[in-house]
Amino acid sequence: MTHLNTVVTWVDVRDGLPPSGIPVAAAITGRYPADSVTESDTASGEEFWLVRPMYFTTLHFSEDGSEHRDCFVDSDGIVRLPYGLASDETVTHWAELPTLPGGSTHVMLGKDARTALQNAWGPHPTT
């Protein structure tokens, strides 16, 4: 089996922001909305701190046309600002996403992708 462990280094957003356009793991804090209809959800109204994949950008235009600067955006287009700025949910820390298994890059294209994948998998055990 190929060694697939990685080390993550978290950066406090108060100490710096990532380069524009790179995907990151973002630690987000906020509070789940209180659900007045159903109180069965135990997280309703609770504070949270969780990790989501996002990308950082110096300029983003939302679907409604609003402009955001120095923000984190998730796959659903939700914009979150760095901690300390006016936002319901803010990013407290970020980390570069790990490289592809067994490699030192985040992207492989063409024939290199298949070769890298096969090398990361190694020989498949037979039963």
Protein backbone atom coordinates (compact mmCIF):
# COMPACT_ATOMS: atom_id res chain seq x y z
CA MET A 1 0.00 0.00 0.00
CA THR A 2 1.24 3.47 -0.87
CA HIS A 3 1.85 5.84 2.06
CA LEU A 4 -1.08 8.31 1.80
CA ASN A 5 -0.79 10.40 4.97
CA THR A 6 -0.49 14.17 4.76
CA VAL A 7 0.12 17.06 7.14
CA VAL A 8 -2.19 20.07 7.26
CA THR A 9 -0.92 23.48 8.35
CA TRP A 10 -3.69 25.83 9.45
CA VAL A 11 -3.27 29.58 9.00
CA ASP A 12 -5.18 32.05 11.20
CA VAL A 13 -6.98 34.49 8.84
CA ARG A 14 -5.85 37.32 11.11
CA ASP A 15 -2.27 36.41 10.13
CA GLY A 16 -2.84 36.21 6.38
CA LEU A 17 -5.06 35.13 3.52
CA PRO A 18 -4.35 32.58 0.78
CA PRO A 19 -3.46 33.55 -2.80
CA SER A 20 -6.49 34.31 -4.94
CA GLY A 21 -8.05 31.37 -6.77
CA ILE A 22 -6.63 28.46 -4.78
CA PRO A 23 -8.84 25.80 -3.22
CA VAL A 24 -8.55 25.57 0.55
CA ALA A 25 -10.01 23.86 3.57
CA ALA A 26 -11.75 26.61 5.54
CA ALA A 27 -12.68 26.49 9.23
CA ILE A 28 -16.00 28.33 9.50
CA THR A 29 -17.72 29.60 12.62
CA GLY A 30 -21.27 30.83 13.06
CA ARG A 31 -24.60 29.83 14.53
CA TYR A 32 -27.21 27.51 13.05
CA PRO A 33 -30.49 29.37 12.56
CA ALA A 34 -33.07 28.78 15.26
CA ASP A 35 -35.87 26.72 13.74
CA SER A 36 -39.15 27.89 15.20
CA VAL A 37 -41.11 25.25 13.26
CA THR A 38 -39.22 22.16 14.39
CA GLU A 39 -37.21 22.05 17.59
CA SER A 40 -36.26 18.40 17.02
CA ASP A 41 -32.98 19.42 15.38
CA THR A 42 -30.51 19.45 18.27
CA ALA A 43 -28.19 21.84 16.37
CA SER A 44 -30.88 24.50 15.97
CA GLY A 45 -29.56 27.77 17.35
CA GLU A 46 -26.21 26.23 18.34
CA GLU A 47 -22.84 27.78 17.59
CA PHE A 48 -20.66 25.76 15.23
CA TRP A 49 -17.09 25.52 14.00
CA LEU A 50 -16.60 23.21 11.03
CA VAL A 51 -14.40 22.60 7.99
CA ARG A 52 -15.58 23.04 4.37
CA PRO A 53 -13.76 22.95 1.04
CA MET A 54 -13.78 26.42 -0.51
CA TYR A 55 -11.69 28.70 -2.65
CA PHE A 56 -10.40 32.14 -1.80
CA THR A 57 -10.71 35.06 -4.20
CA THR A 58 -9.89 38.74 -4.08
CA LEU A 59 -13.01 39.55 -6.14
CA HIS A 60 -16.28 37.61 -6.46
CA PHE A 61 -19.65 38.54 -7.96
CA SER A 62 -22.63 36.67 -6.50
CA GLU A 63 -25.55 35.53 -8.65
CA ASP A 64 -27.47 38.62 -7.52
CA GLY A 65 -24.64 40.81 -8.85
CA SER A 66 -23.28 41.85 -5.46
CA GLU A 67 -19.53 42.32 -5.29
CA HIS A 68 -17.39 40.71 -2.59
CA ARG A 69 -13.68 41.28 -1.96
CA ASP A 70 -11.20 39.04 -0.14
CA CYS A 71 -13.71 36.26 0.49
CA PHE A 72 -14.06 32.50 0.61
CA VAL A 73 -16.63 30.85 -1.69
CA ASP A 74 -17.99 27.30 -1.40
CA SER A 75 -19.30 25.02 -4.15
CA ASP A 76 -22.84 26.36 -3.66
CA GLY A 77 -21.67 29.94 -4.23
CA ILE A 78 -22.05 30.85 -0.54
CA VAL A 79 -19.67 33.68 0.34
CA ARG A 80 -17.97 33.77 3.72
CA LEU A 81 -15.71 36.57 4.88
CA PRO A 82 -12.58 36.33 7.02
CA TYR A 83 -13.17 36.44 10.80
CA GLY A 84 -13.70 39.93 12.17
CA LEU A 85 -15.68 41.22 9.20
CA ALA A 86 -19.46 41.65 9.24
CA SER A 87 -20.88 38.25 8.27
CA ASP A 88 -23.15 35.63 9.88
CA GLU A 89 -20.59 32.91 9.17
CA THR A 90 -16.89 33.72 9.03
CA VAL A 91 -13.70 31.84 8.22
CA THR A 92 -11.32 31.61 11.18
CA HIS A 93 -8.52 29.52 9.61
CA TRP A 94 -7.56 28.12 6.23
CA ALA A 95 -5.24 25.40 4.97
CA GLU A 96 -4.07 24.41 1.54
CA LEU A 97 -5.75 21.24 0.37
CA PRO A 98 -3.45 18.21 0.37
CA THR A 99 -1.75 17.11 -2.81
CA LEU A 100 -2.98 14.13 -4.78
CA PRO A 101 -2.20 10.80 -3.08
CA GLY A 102 1.40 9.76 -3.58
CA GLY A 103 2.34 12.99 -5.34
CA SER A 104 3.35 16.58 -4.86
CA THR A 105 0.77 18.33 -7.07
CA HIS A 106 -2.93 19.14 -6.91
CA VAL A 107 -3.69 18.46 -10.59
CA MET A 108 -2.65 15.83 -13.12
CA LEU A 109 -3.83 15.93 -16.74
CA GLY A 110 -3.82 13.52 -19.68
CA LYS A 111 -1.75 10.34 -19.57
CA ASP A 112 0.04 11.61 -16.46
CA ALA A 113 -3.25 11.43 -14.52
CA ARG A 114 -3.74 7.70 -15.21
CA THR A 115 -0.09 6.91 -14.42
CA ALA A 116 -0.18 8.89 -11.16
CA LEU A 117 -3.42 7.18 -10.11
CA GLN A 118 -2.01 3.73 -10.82
CA ASN A 119 1.17 4.57 -8.88
CA ALA A 120 -0.86 5.82 -5.90
CA TRP A 121 -2.99 2.67 -5.89
CA GLY A 122 -0.03 0.35 -6.26
CA PRO A 123 -0.63 -3.30 -7.09
CA HIS A 124 -4.13 -4.44 -6.19
CA PRO A 125 -4.05 -7.28 -3.69
CA THR A 126 -5.42 -10.58 -4.97
CA THR A 127 -7.57 -12.76 -2.79
